[in-house]
Amino acid sequence: MEAKIAYHCAPALAGIKPANIVNVPKSVSVDIHSEIEKLNGKMNVKDIFFEIIFECEKRIILMVYRRELLEKTLSEKAIKCFLCSFGYPHQVTVEGHIAFLRERLKNREFPHEIGAFLGYPIHDIQGFLYQKDEGCLLCGEWKVYKNPEKAKLLFKRFEACRSALVRRVMRGESLQQIFCAA
C-alpha cells in the first residue's frame, strides 16, 4: 500500500502541493483502516495526514495532505468563494471542509471542486467545470486552461518527486523513514 501511496501522493507527501488522492482497492490490505491509523500515528507529527474520503465495498479513496498547506490553500479568498458556491461553509476548519467533501462524494456526480483541495489553480478548475475541452491548452496532472508553460514545469517537478520517492520505497524504505527522520 505504501508504494501505491508513494506513487500517487508524492507531491503532497513532499509538501509541493497541499493534497493528493489515491484510489486504493481494499484487496491490498487485510485491515486497511488500521494501516491508515498507523500511518497517521507515525506521520501526523510531520503534518502529513491520511484521510479516507470515500469508501465502498471494494475500494477507498484516500486523501493524503499536508494540513498546514491545505489550510493555507483553502483560506485563499478565491478558493473560499469558489467552495462557498458549492455549498461549503464560509468559516470552517480543514477537517470541516474534508467532512463536507466526503458528503459530496456520496452523490452520484463527482465533485470537481476537489481540485481546490489538490492545489490546482482556480482558473484551471473553473475552466474544467465551465469550458470542458474547449480552451484546454494542456493535459497533465489536470487540464490546464491558463499558463501552460508554468504548468509543464510543475508537472515535471511532480514527476521527479514521484520517481525519487517510489525509488526509495522500492528499496525498502518506509514513508515514515523517509519523511519522519529527525
N, C-alpha and C. Protein backbone atom coordinates (compact mmCIF):
# COMPACT_ATOMS: atom_id res chain seq x y z
N MET A 1 0.83 -1.19 0.00
CA MET A 1 0.00 0.00 0.00
C MET A 1 0.88 1.26 0.00
N GLU A 2 2.01 1.23 0.71
CA GLU A 2 2.87 2.41 0.76
C GLU A 2 3.42 2.78 -0.62
N ALA A 3 3.71 1.77 -1.44
CA ALA A 3 4.22 2.06 -2.79
C ALA A 3 3.15 2.77 -3.62
N LYS A 4 1.91 2.34 -3.49
CA LYS A 4 0.80 2.97 -4.22
C LYS A 4 0.61 4.40 -3.74
N ILE A 5 0.66 4.61 -2.43
CA ILE A 5 0.53 5.95 -1.88
C ILE A 5 1.71 6.80 -2.33
N ALA A 6 2.91 6.25 -2.30
CA ALA A 6 4.10 7.00 -2.72
C ALA A 6 3.96 7.46 -4.17
N TYR A 7 3.51 6.58 -5.04
CA TYR A 7 3.39 6.93 -6.46
C TYR A 7 2.35 8.03 -6.68
N HIS A 8 1.17 7.86 -6.12
CA HIS A 8 0.07 8.78 -6.40
C HIS A 8 0.09 10.05 -5.56
N CYS A 9 0.79 10.02 -4.43
CA CYS A 9 0.70 11.13 -3.49
C CYS A 9 2.05 11.79 -3.18
N ALA A 10 3.06 11.48 -3.95
CA ALA A 10 4.40 12.02 -3.69
C ALA A 10 4.43 13.54 -3.56
N PRO A 11 3.80 14.31 -4.46
CA PRO A 11 3.88 15.77 -4.32
C PRO A 11 3.29 16.29 -3.00
N ALA A 12 2.22 15.68 -2.53
CA ALA A 12 1.65 16.11 -1.24
C ALA A 12 2.54 15.66 -0.09
N LEU A 13 3.04 14.44 -0.15
CA LEU A 13 3.93 13.96 0.90
C LEU A 13 5.16 14.86 1.02
N ALA A 14 5.67 15.32 -0.11
CA ALA A 14 6.86 16.16 -0.12
C ALA A 14 6.56 17.63 0.17
N GLY A 15 5.29 17.99 0.24
CA GLY A 15 4.92 19.37 0.54
C GLY A 15 4.94 20.29 -0.66
N ILE A 16 4.96 19.72 -1.86
CA ILE A 16 4.93 20.53 -3.09
C ILE A 16 3.52 21.01 -3.39
N LYS A 17 2.53 20.23 -2.99
CA LYS A 17 1.13 20.62 -3.14
C LYS A 17 0.37 20.21 -1.88
N PRO A 18 -0.79 20.79 -1.65
CA PRO A 18 -1.47 20.54 -0.38
C PRO A 18 -2.01 19.12 -0.20
N ALA A 19 -2.44 18.49 -1.28
CA ALA A 19 -3.07 17.17 -1.14
C ALA A 19 -3.01 16.41 -2.46
N ASN A 20 -3.12 15.11 -2.34
CA ASN A 20 -3.32 14.20 -3.47
C ASN A 20 -4.35 13.18 -3.03
N ILE A 21 -4.97 12.54 -3.99
CA ILE A 21 -5.87 11.43 -3.68
C ILE A 21 -5.39 10.19 -4.41
N VAL A 22 -5.74 9.05 -3.85
CA VAL A 22 -5.41 7.77 -4.47
C VAL A 22 -6.56 6.81 -4.23
N ASN A 23 -6.88 6.06 -5.26
CA ASN A 23 -7.91 5.04 -5.21
C ASN A 23 -7.21 3.74 -4.78
N VAL A 24 -7.59 3.20 -3.64
CA VAL A 24 -6.92 2.00 -3.11
C VAL A 24 -7.93 0.85 -3.02
N PRO A 25 -7.69 -0.23 -3.77
CA PRO A 25 -8.56 -1.40 -3.63
C PRO A 25 -8.40 -2.00 -2.23
N LYS A 26 -9.48 -2.40 -1.63
CA LYS A 26 -9.41 -2.99 -0.30
C LYS A 26 -8.62 -4.29 -0.30
N SER A 27 -8.44 -4.87 -1.46
CA SER A 27 -7.70 -6.13 -1.56
C SER A 27 -6.20 -5.96 -1.26
N VAL A 28 -5.69 -4.73 -1.23
CA VAL A 28 -4.26 -4.53 -0.97
C VAL A 28 -3.91 -4.71 0.50
N SER A 29 -4.91 -4.75 1.37
CA SER A 29 -4.64 -4.85 2.80
C SER A 29 -5.76 -5.61 3.50
N VAL A 30 -5.38 -6.44 4.45
CA VAL A 30 -6.37 -7.18 5.24
C VAL A 30 -7.18 -6.20 6.09
N ASP A 31 -6.50 -5.21 6.68
CA ASP A 31 -7.18 -4.21 7.50
C ASP A 31 -6.68 -2.82 7.13
N ILE A 32 -7.24 -2.30 6.07
CA ILE A 32 -6.80 -1.02 5.52
C ILE A 32 -7.00 0.12 6.53
N HIS A 33 -8.05 0.04 7.33
CA HIS A 33 -8.32 1.10 8.32
C HIS A 33 -7.22 1.17 9.38
N SER A 34 -6.78 0.02 9.86
CA SER A 34 -5.73 0.05 10.88
C SER A 34 -4.39 0.48 10.27
N GLU A 35 -4.15 0.15 9.01
CA GLU A 35 -2.91 0.61 8.34
C GLU A 35 -2.91 2.13 8.22
N ILE A 36 -4.05 2.70 7.88
CA ILE A 36 -4.15 4.16 7.77
C ILE A 36 -4.00 4.79 9.15
N GLU A 37 -4.58 4.17 10.15
CA GLU A 37 -4.45 4.68 11.53
C GLU A 37 -2.97 4.66 11.95
N LYS A 38 -2.26 3.60 11.61
CA LYS A 38 -0.82 3.52 11.95
C LYS A 38 -0.03 4.60 11.21
N LEU A 39 -0.34 4.79 9.93
CA LEU A 39 0.35 5.84 9.17
C LEU A 39 0.13 7.21 9.81
N ASN A 40 -1.11 7.49 10.19
CA ASN A 40 -1.40 8.76 10.86
C ASN A 40 -0.64 8.88 12.17
N GLY A 41 -0.58 7.80 12.93
CA GLY A 41 0.14 7.80 14.19
C GLY A 41 1.61 8.14 14.02
N LYS A 42 2.18 7.72 12.91
CA LYS A 42 3.60 7.95 12.64
C LYS A 42 3.85 9.29 11.96
N MET A 43 2.93 9.72 11.11
CA MET A 43 3.22 10.83 10.20
C MET A 43 2.57 12.16 10.59
N ASN A 44 1.54 12.14 11.42
CA ASN A 44 0.88 13.40 11.79
C ASN A 44 1.85 14.37 12.44
N VAL A 45 2.84 13.85 13.14
CA VAL A 45 3.83 14.70 13.80
C VAL A 45 4.60 15.56 12.78
N LYS A 46 4.65 15.11 11.53
CA LYS A 46 5.30 15.85 10.45
C LYS A 46 4.28 16.56 9.56
N ASP A 47 3.05 16.73 10.06
CA ASP A 47 2.00 17.45 9.36
C ASP A 47 1.52 16.71 8.10
N ILE A 48 1.66 15.39 8.09
CA ILE A 48 1.18 14.57 6.98
C ILE A 48 0.01 13.74 7.50
N PHE A 49 -1.14 13.86 6.81
CA PHE A 49 -2.36 13.20 7.26
C PHE A 49 -2.93 12.32 6.15
N PHE A 50 -3.56 11.22 6.56
CA PHE A 50 -4.18 10.25 5.65
C PHE A 50 -5.64 10.16 6.05
N GLU A 51 -6.52 10.44 5.10
CA GLU A 51 -7.95 10.52 5.40
C GLU A 51 -8.74 9.78 4.33
N ILE A 52 -9.58 8.84 4.76
CA ILE A 52 -10.49 8.18 3.82
C ILE A 52 -11.61 9.17 3.53
N ILE A 53 -11.76 9.53 2.25
CA ILE A 53 -12.82 10.47 1.90
C ILE A 53 -13.98 9.79 1.19
N PHE A 54 -13.77 8.54 0.79
CA PHE A 54 -14.86 7.77 0.18
C PHE A 54 -14.55 6.30 0.41
N GLU A 55 -15.61 5.53 0.64
CA GLU A 55 -15.43 4.10 0.83
C GLU A 55 -16.63 3.37 0.29
N CYS A 56 -16.36 2.30 -0.42
CA CYS A 56 -17.42 1.39 -0.84
C CYS A 56 -16.94 -0.03 -0.54
N GLU A 57 -17.65 -1.00 -1.02
CA GLU A 57 -17.33 -2.39 -0.72
C GLU A 57 -15.94 -2.80 -1.20
N LYS A 58 -15.53 -2.28 -2.38
CA LYS A 58 -14.29 -2.76 -2.99
C LYS A 58 -13.09 -1.84 -2.87
N ARG A 59 -13.31 -0.55 -2.55
CA ARG A 59 -12.19 0.38 -2.56
C ARG A 59 -12.43 1.55 -1.62
N ILE A 60 -11.33 2.29 -1.44
CA ILE A 60 -11.42 3.56 -0.74
C ILE A 60 -10.75 4.62 -1.61
N ILE A 61 -11.13 5.86 -1.39
CA ILE A 61 -10.37 6.98 -1.94
C ILE A 61 -9.72 7.63 -0.73
N LEU A 62 -8.41 7.66 -0.77
CA LEU A 62 -7.62 8.18 0.33
C LEU A 62 -7.06 9.54 -0.06
N MET A 63 -7.24 10.51 0.83
CA MET A 63 -6.62 11.82 0.63
C MET A 63 -5.40 11.88 1.55
N VAL A 64 -4.28 12.23 0.95
CA VAL A 64 -3.04 12.45 1.69
C VAL A 64 -2.78 13.94 1.61
N TYR A 65 -2.59 14.57 2.77
CA TYR A 65 -2.43 16.02 2.74
C TYR A 65 -1.48 16.53 3.81
N ARG A 66 -0.96 17.71 3.53
CA ARG A 66 -0.18 18.48 4.49
C ARG A 66 -1.17 19.46 5.09
N ARG A 67 -1.50 19.27 6.35
CA ARG A 67 -2.58 20.03 6.97
C ARG A 67 -2.35 21.54 6.88
N GLU A 68 -1.15 22.00 7.24
CA GLU A 68 -0.88 23.43 7.24
C GLU A 68 -0.99 24.02 5.83
N LEU A 69 -0.47 23.33 4.84
CA LEU A 69 -0.53 23.79 3.46
C LEU A 69 -1.96 23.76 2.94
N LEU A 70 -2.71 22.74 3.30
CA LEU A 70 -4.11 22.65 2.87
C LEU A 70 -4.93 23.77 3.51
N GLU A 71 -4.68 24.03 4.78
CA GLU A 71 -5.38 25.12 5.46
C GLU A 71 -5.09 26.46 4.76
N LYS A 72 -3.85 26.69 4.42
CA LYS A 72 -3.47 27.93 3.72
C LYS A 72 -4.17 28.02 2.36
N THR A 73 -4.18 26.92 1.63
CA THR A 73 -4.82 26.88 0.31
C THR A 73 -6.32 27.17 0.41
N LEU A 74 -6.98 26.48 1.35
CA LEU A 74 -8.44 26.63 1.48
C LEU A 74 -8.85 27.99 2.04
N SER A 75 -7.91 28.70 2.64
CA SER A 75 -8.25 30.02 3.18
C SER A 75 -8.00 31.15 2.18
N GLU A 76 -7.45 30.83 1.00
CA GLU A 76 -7.29 31.86 -0.03
C GLU A 76 -8.68 32.37 -0.43
N LYS A 77 -8.79 33.67 -0.59
CA LYS A 77 -10.10 34.30 -0.84
C LYS A 77 -10.82 33.69 -2.05
N ALA A 78 -10.11 33.53 -3.16
CA ALA A 78 -10.74 32.99 -4.38
C ALA A 78 -11.22 31.56 -4.17
N ILE A 79 -10.43 30.77 -3.44
CA ILE A 79 -10.81 29.37 -3.18
C ILE A 79 -12.01 29.33 -2.23
N LYS A 80 -12.00 30.16 -1.19
CA LYS A 80 -13.13 30.20 -0.25
C LYS A 80 -14.42 30.54 -0.98
N CYS A 81 -14.38 31.58 -1.82
CA CYS A 81 -15.59 31.98 -2.57
C CYS A 81 -16.04 30.87 -3.51
N PHE A 82 -15.08 30.25 -4.18
CA PHE A 82 -15.38 29.15 -5.10
C PHE A 82 -16.06 28.01 -4.35
N LEU A 83 -15.49 27.57 -3.23
CA LEU A 83 -16.08 26.47 -2.47
C LEU A 83 -17.45 26.84 -1.90
N CYS A 84 -17.60 28.09 -1.48
CA CYS A 84 -18.91 28.54 -0.97
C CYS A 84 -19.99 28.41 -2.05
N SER A 85 -19.60 28.61 -3.31
CA SER A 85 -20.58 28.48 -4.40
C SER A 85 -21.08 27.04 -4.56
N PHE A 86 -20.37 26.08 -3.95
CA PHE A 86 -20.80 24.68 -3.97
C PHE A 86 -21.41 24.26 -2.64
N GLY A 87 -21.64 25.25 -1.76
CA GLY A 87 -22.30 24.97 -0.50
C GLY A 87 -21.38 24.76 0.69
N TYR A 88 -20.08 24.84 0.48
CA TYR A 88 -19.16 24.69 1.60
C TYR A 88 -19.35 25.87 2.56
N PRO A 89 -19.29 25.61 3.86
CA PRO A 89 -19.42 26.71 4.83
C PRO A 89 -18.27 27.71 4.68
N HIS A 90 -18.55 28.96 4.95
CA HIS A 90 -17.55 30.02 4.77
C HIS A 90 -16.44 29.93 5.82
N GLN A 91 -16.79 29.81 7.06
CA GLN A 91 -15.82 29.74 8.14
C GLN A 91 -15.81 28.32 8.70
N VAL A 92 -14.83 27.55 8.29
CA VAL A 92 -14.78 26.17 8.76
C VAL A 92 -13.33 25.70 8.75
N THR A 93 -13.05 24.65 9.48
CA THR A 93 -11.70 24.10 9.57
C THR A 93 -11.39 23.20 8.37
N VAL A 94 -10.14 22.80 8.26
CA VAL A 94 -9.75 21.83 7.23
C VAL A 94 -10.58 20.56 7.40
N GLU A 95 -10.70 20.12 8.62
CA GLU A 95 -11.49 18.90 8.89
C GLU A 95 -12.94 19.08 8.47
N GLY A 96 -13.49 20.28 8.70
CA GLY A 96 -14.86 20.57 8.29
C GLY A 96 -15.02 20.55 6.78
N HIS A 97 -14.05 21.12 6.08
CA HIS A 97 -14.08 21.10 4.62
C HIS A 97 -13.99 19.67 4.09
N ILE A 98 -13.11 18.88 4.69
CA ILE A 98 -12.97 17.48 4.26
C ILE A 98 -14.26 16.71 4.54
N ALA A 99 -14.89 16.97 5.69
CA ALA A 99 -16.16 16.32 6.01
C ALA A 99 -17.23 16.67 4.98
N PHE A 100 -17.27 17.95 4.57
CA PHE A 100 -18.24 18.37 3.57
C PHE A 100 -17.93 17.71 2.21
N LEU A 101 -16.64 17.65 1.85
CA LEU A 101 -16.24 16.97 0.62
C LEU A 101 -16.63 15.49 0.66
N ARG A 102 -16.45 14.87 1.80
CA ARG A 102 -16.82 13.46 1.97
C ARG A 102 -18.31 13.27 1.67
N GLU A 103 -19.13 14.18 2.17
CA GLU A 103 -20.57 14.11 1.90
C GLU A 103 -20.86 14.30 0.41
N ARG A 104 -20.14 15.24 -0.22
CA ARG A 104 -20.34 15.49 -1.65
C ARG A 104 -19.95 14.26 -2.48
N LEU A 105 -18.96 13.50 -2.02
CA LEU A 105 -18.53 12.31 -2.74
C LEU A 105 -19.57 11.19 -2.70
N LYS A 106 -20.50 11.28 -1.78
CA LYS A 106 -21.56 10.27 -1.70
C LYS A 106 -22.59 10.45 -2.82
N ASN A 107 -22.63 11.62 -3.44
CA ASN A 107 -23.57 11.88 -4.54
C ASN A 107 -23.11 11.16 -5.80
N ARG A 108 -23.99 11.04 -6.74
CA ARG A 108 -23.67 10.35 -7.99
C ARG A 108 -22.67 11.14 -8.85
N GLU A 109 -22.71 12.44 -8.78
CA GLU A 109 -21.84 13.27 -9.60
C GLU A 109 -20.55 13.59 -8.84
N PHE A 110 -19.41 13.38 -9.49
CA PHE A 110 -18.13 13.62 -8.84
C PHE A 110 -17.95 15.12 -8.56
N PRO A 111 -17.53 15.49 -7.35
CA PRO A 111 -17.36 16.91 -7.01
C PRO A 111 -16.03 17.46 -7.53
N HIS A 112 -16.05 18.03 -8.71
CA HIS A 112 -14.81 18.50 -9.34
C HIS A 112 -14.15 19.65 -8.60
N GLU A 113 -14.87 20.24 -7.65
CA GLU A 113 -14.22 21.27 -6.83
C GLU A 113 -13.11 20.68 -5.96
N ILE A 114 -12.98 19.36 -5.97
CA ILE A 114 -11.90 18.70 -5.25
C ILE A 114 -10.54 19.23 -5.71
N GLY A 115 -10.49 19.76 -6.93
CA GLY A 115 -9.25 20.36 -7.43
C GLY A 115 -8.72 21.46 -6.53
N ALA A 116 -9.60 22.15 -5.82
CA ALA A 116 -9.17 23.20 -4.88
C ALA A 116 -8.37 22.57 -3.74
N PHE A 117 -8.78 21.42 -3.27
CA PHE A 117 -8.07 20.72 -2.21
C PHE A 117 -6.71 20.23 -2.72
N LEU A 118 -6.67 19.87 -3.98
CA LEU A 118 -5.47 19.28 -4.58
C LEU A 118 -4.47 20.33 -5.06
N GLY A 119 -4.82 21.60 -4.87
CA GLY A 119 -3.89 22.67 -5.22
C GLY A 119 -3.89 23.07 -6.68
N TYR A 120 -4.92 22.67 -7.41
CA TYR A 120 -4.99 23.08 -8.81
C TYR A 120 -5.29 24.59 -8.86
N PRO A 121 -4.76 25.30 -9.83
CA PRO A 121 -5.08 26.73 -9.96
C PRO A 121 -6.58 26.92 -10.18
N ILE A 122 -7.12 27.94 -9.54
CA ILE A 122 -8.57 28.18 -9.59
C ILE A 122 -9.05 28.37 -11.03
N HIS A 123 -8.26 29.03 -11.88
CA HIS A 123 -8.68 29.25 -13.26
C HIS A 123 -8.76 27.93 -14.03
N ASP A 124 -7.94 26.96 -13.67
CA ASP A 124 -8.00 25.66 -14.34
C ASP A 124 -9.19 24.84 -13.85
N ILE A 125 -9.50 24.93 -12.57
CA ILE A 125 -10.68 24.23 -12.04
C ILE A 125 -11.93 24.79 -12.71
N GLN A 126 -12.03 26.11 -12.76
CA GLN A 126 -13.19 26.74 -13.38
C GLN A 126 -13.24 26.45 -14.88
N GLY A 127 -12.10 26.45 -15.54
CA GLY A 127 -12.06 26.10 -16.96
C GLY A 127 -12.61 24.70 -17.20
N PHE A 128 -12.19 23.76 -16.35
CA PHE A 128 -12.67 22.38 -16.49
C PHE A 128 -14.18 22.29 -16.26
N LEU A 129 -14.65 22.98 -15.24
CA LEU A 129 -16.07 22.92 -14.91
C LEU A 129 -16.96 23.58 -15.96
N TYR A 130 -16.51 24.71 -16.48
CA TYR A 130 -17.40 25.52 -17.31
C TYR A 130 -17.06 25.49 -18.80
N GLN A 131 -15.86 25.05 -19.16
CA GLN A 131 -15.49 25.02 -20.57
C GLN A 131 -15.27 23.61 -21.10
N LYS A 132 -15.06 22.66 -20.19
CA LYS A 132 -14.71 21.27 -20.54
C LYS A 132 -13.48 21.27 -21.45
N ASP A 133 -13.57 20.70 -22.64
CA ASP A 133 -12.38 20.61 -23.50
C ASP A 133 -12.11 21.88 -24.29
N GLU A 134 -13.11 22.73 -24.41
CA GLU A 134 -12.93 23.98 -25.15
C GLU A 134 -11.98 24.90 -24.39
N GLY A 135 -10.89 25.25 -25.03
CA GLY A 135 -9.93 26.15 -24.40
C GLY A 135 -8.86 25.45 -23.59
N CYS A 136 -8.90 24.12 -23.51
CA CYS A 136 -7.87 23.37 -22.79
C CYS A 136 -6.56 23.47 -23.56
N LEU A 137 -5.51 23.93 -22.88
CA LEU A 137 -4.21 24.14 -23.52
C LEU A 137 -3.23 23.00 -23.29
N LEU A 138 -3.48 22.21 -22.25
CA LEU A 138 -2.56 21.14 -21.88
C LEU A 138 -3.26 20.16 -20.96
N CYS A 139 -2.99 18.88 -21.15
CA CYS A 139 -3.48 17.85 -20.24
C CYS A 139 -2.27 17.23 -19.55
N GLY A 140 -2.32 17.19 -18.25
CA GLY A 140 -1.25 16.60 -17.46
C GLY A 140 -1.84 16.10 -16.16
N GLU A 141 -1.33 16.58 -15.04
CA GLU A 141 -1.89 16.21 -13.74
C GLU A 141 -3.34 16.68 -13.65
N TRP A 142 -3.67 17.73 -14.36
CA TRP A 142 -5.03 18.25 -14.50
C TRP A 142 -5.11 18.92 -15.87
N LYS A 143 -6.30 19.32 -16.28
CA LYS A 143 -6.45 20.06 -17.54
C LYS A 143 -6.11 21.52 -17.29
N VAL A 144 -5.26 22.06 -18.13
CA VAL A 144 -4.74 23.41 -17.97
C VAL A 144 -5.41 24.34 -18.98
N TYR A 145 -5.91 25.46 -18.48
CA TYR A 145 -6.60 26.43 -19.32
C TYR A 145 -5.87 27.77 -19.37
N LYS A 146 -4.86 27.92 -18.54
CA LYS A 146 -4.10 29.16 -18.47
C LYS A 146 -2.69 28.83 -17.97
N ASN A 147 -1.69 29.54 -18.47
CA ASN A 147 -0.29 29.36 -18.05
C ASN A 147 0.24 27.93 -18.27
N PRO A 148 0.16 27.43 -19.51
CA PRO A 148 0.62 26.05 -19.75
C PRO A 148 2.12 25.85 -19.50
N GLU A 149 2.94 26.86 -19.75
CA GLU A 149 4.38 26.70 -19.51
C GLU A 149 4.67 26.51 -18.03
N LYS A 150 4.01 27.29 -17.20
CA LYS A 150 4.16 27.15 -15.75
C LYS A 150 3.68 25.77 -15.30
N ALA A 151 2.56 25.32 -15.86
CA ALA A 151 2.02 24.00 -15.51
C ALA A 151 2.98 22.89 -15.94
N LYS A 152 3.58 23.00 -17.12
CA LYS A 152 4.53 21.98 -17.58
C LYS A 152 5.69 21.83 -16.60
N LEU A 153 6.21 22.94 -16.14
CA LEU A 153 7.32 22.91 -15.18
C LEU A 153 6.88 22.24 -13.87
N LEU A 154 5.68 22.56 -13.44
CA LEU A 154 5.16 21.96 -12.22
C LEU A 154 4.95 20.46 -12.40
N PHE A 155 4.42 20.05 -13.54
CA PHE A 155 4.20 18.63 -13.81
C PHE A 155 5.53 17.88 -13.80
N LYS A 156 6.57 18.48 -14.36
CA LYS A 156 7.91 17.84 -14.36
C LYS A 156 8.42 17.71 -12.92
N ARG A 157 8.17 18.72 -12.12
CA ARG A 157 8.58 18.67 -10.72
C ARG A 157 7.84 17.56 -9.98
N PHE A 158 6.54 17.42 -10.23
CA PHE A 158 5.77 16.34 -9.62
C PHE A 158 6.33 14.99 -10.02
N GLU A 159 6.64 14.82 -11.31
CA GLU A 159 7.14 13.54 -11.81
C GLU A 159 8.51 13.20 -11.20
N ALA A 160 9.38 14.20 -11.09
CA ALA A 160 10.68 13.97 -10.47
C ALA A 160 10.52 13.56 -9.01
N CYS A 161 9.64 14.21 -8.32
CA CYS A 161 9.35 13.89 -6.92
C CYS A 161 8.81 12.46 -6.82
N ARG A 162 7.87 12.14 -7.68
CA ARG A 162 7.24 10.81 -7.69
C ARG A 162 8.30 9.73 -7.94
N SER A 163 9.15 9.94 -8.94
CA SER A 163 10.18 8.95 -9.28
C SER A 163 11.15 8.73 -8.12
N ALA A 164 11.58 9.82 -7.50
CA ALA A 164 12.53 9.71 -6.38
C ALA A 164 11.91 8.98 -5.20
N LEU A 165 10.66 9.31 -4.88
CA LEU A 165 10.00 8.68 -3.74
C LEU A 165 9.73 7.20 -4.00
N VAL A 166 9.24 6.87 -5.16
CA VAL A 166 8.96 5.47 -5.48
C VAL A 166 10.25 4.65 -5.46
N ARG A 167 11.33 5.20 -5.96
CA ARG A 167 12.63 4.51 -5.94
C ARG A 167 13.01 4.16 -4.50
N ARG A 168 12.85 5.11 -3.60
CA ARG A 168 13.22 4.87 -2.20
C ARG A 168 12.32 3.82 -1.55
N VAL A 169 11.02 3.88 -1.83
CA VAL A 169 10.10 2.90 -1.26
C VAL A 169 10.41 1.51 -1.81
N MET A 170 10.74 1.44 -3.10
CA MET A 170 11.05 0.14 -3.71
C MET A 170 12.36 -0.44 -3.16
N ARG A 171 13.23 0.42 -2.63
CA ARG A 171 14.47 -0.05 -1.99
C ARG A 171 14.21 -0.53 -0.56
N GLY A 172 12.97 -0.37 -0.10
CA GLY A 172 12.62 -0.89 1.22
C GLY A 172 12.42 0.16 2.29
N GLU A 173 12.56 1.43 1.97
CA GLU A 173 12.33 2.47 2.98
C GLU A 173 10.83 2.70 3.14
N SER A 174 10.42 2.93 4.37
CA SER A 174 9.01 3.22 4.63
C SER A 174 8.78 4.73 4.51
N LEU A 175 7.53 5.12 4.36
CA LEU A 175 7.20 6.54 4.33
C LEU A 175 7.65 7.22 5.62
N GLN A 176 7.51 6.53 6.72
CA GLN A 176 7.94 7.09 8.00
C GLN A 176 9.45 7.35 7.99
N GLN A 177 10.23 6.41 7.49
CA GLN A 177 11.68 6.59 7.44
C GLN A 177 12.06 7.79 6.55
N ILE A 178 11.35 7.94 5.47
CA ILE A 178 11.67 9.00 4.50
C ILE A 178 11.27 10.36 5.04
N PHE A 179 10.09 10.47 5.61
CA PHE A 179 9.56 11.79 5.98
C PHE A 179 9.65 12.15 7.45
N CYS A 180 9.96 11.19 8.30
CA CYS A 180 9.98 11.49 9.73
C CYS A 180 11.37 11.44 10.35
N ALA A 181 12.40 11.42 9.49
CA ALA A 181 13.76 11.46 10.02
C ALA A 181 13.97 12.79 10.73
N ALA A 182 14.69 12.74 11.83
CA ALA A 182 14.89 13.96 12.65
C ALA A 182 15.65 15.05 11.94
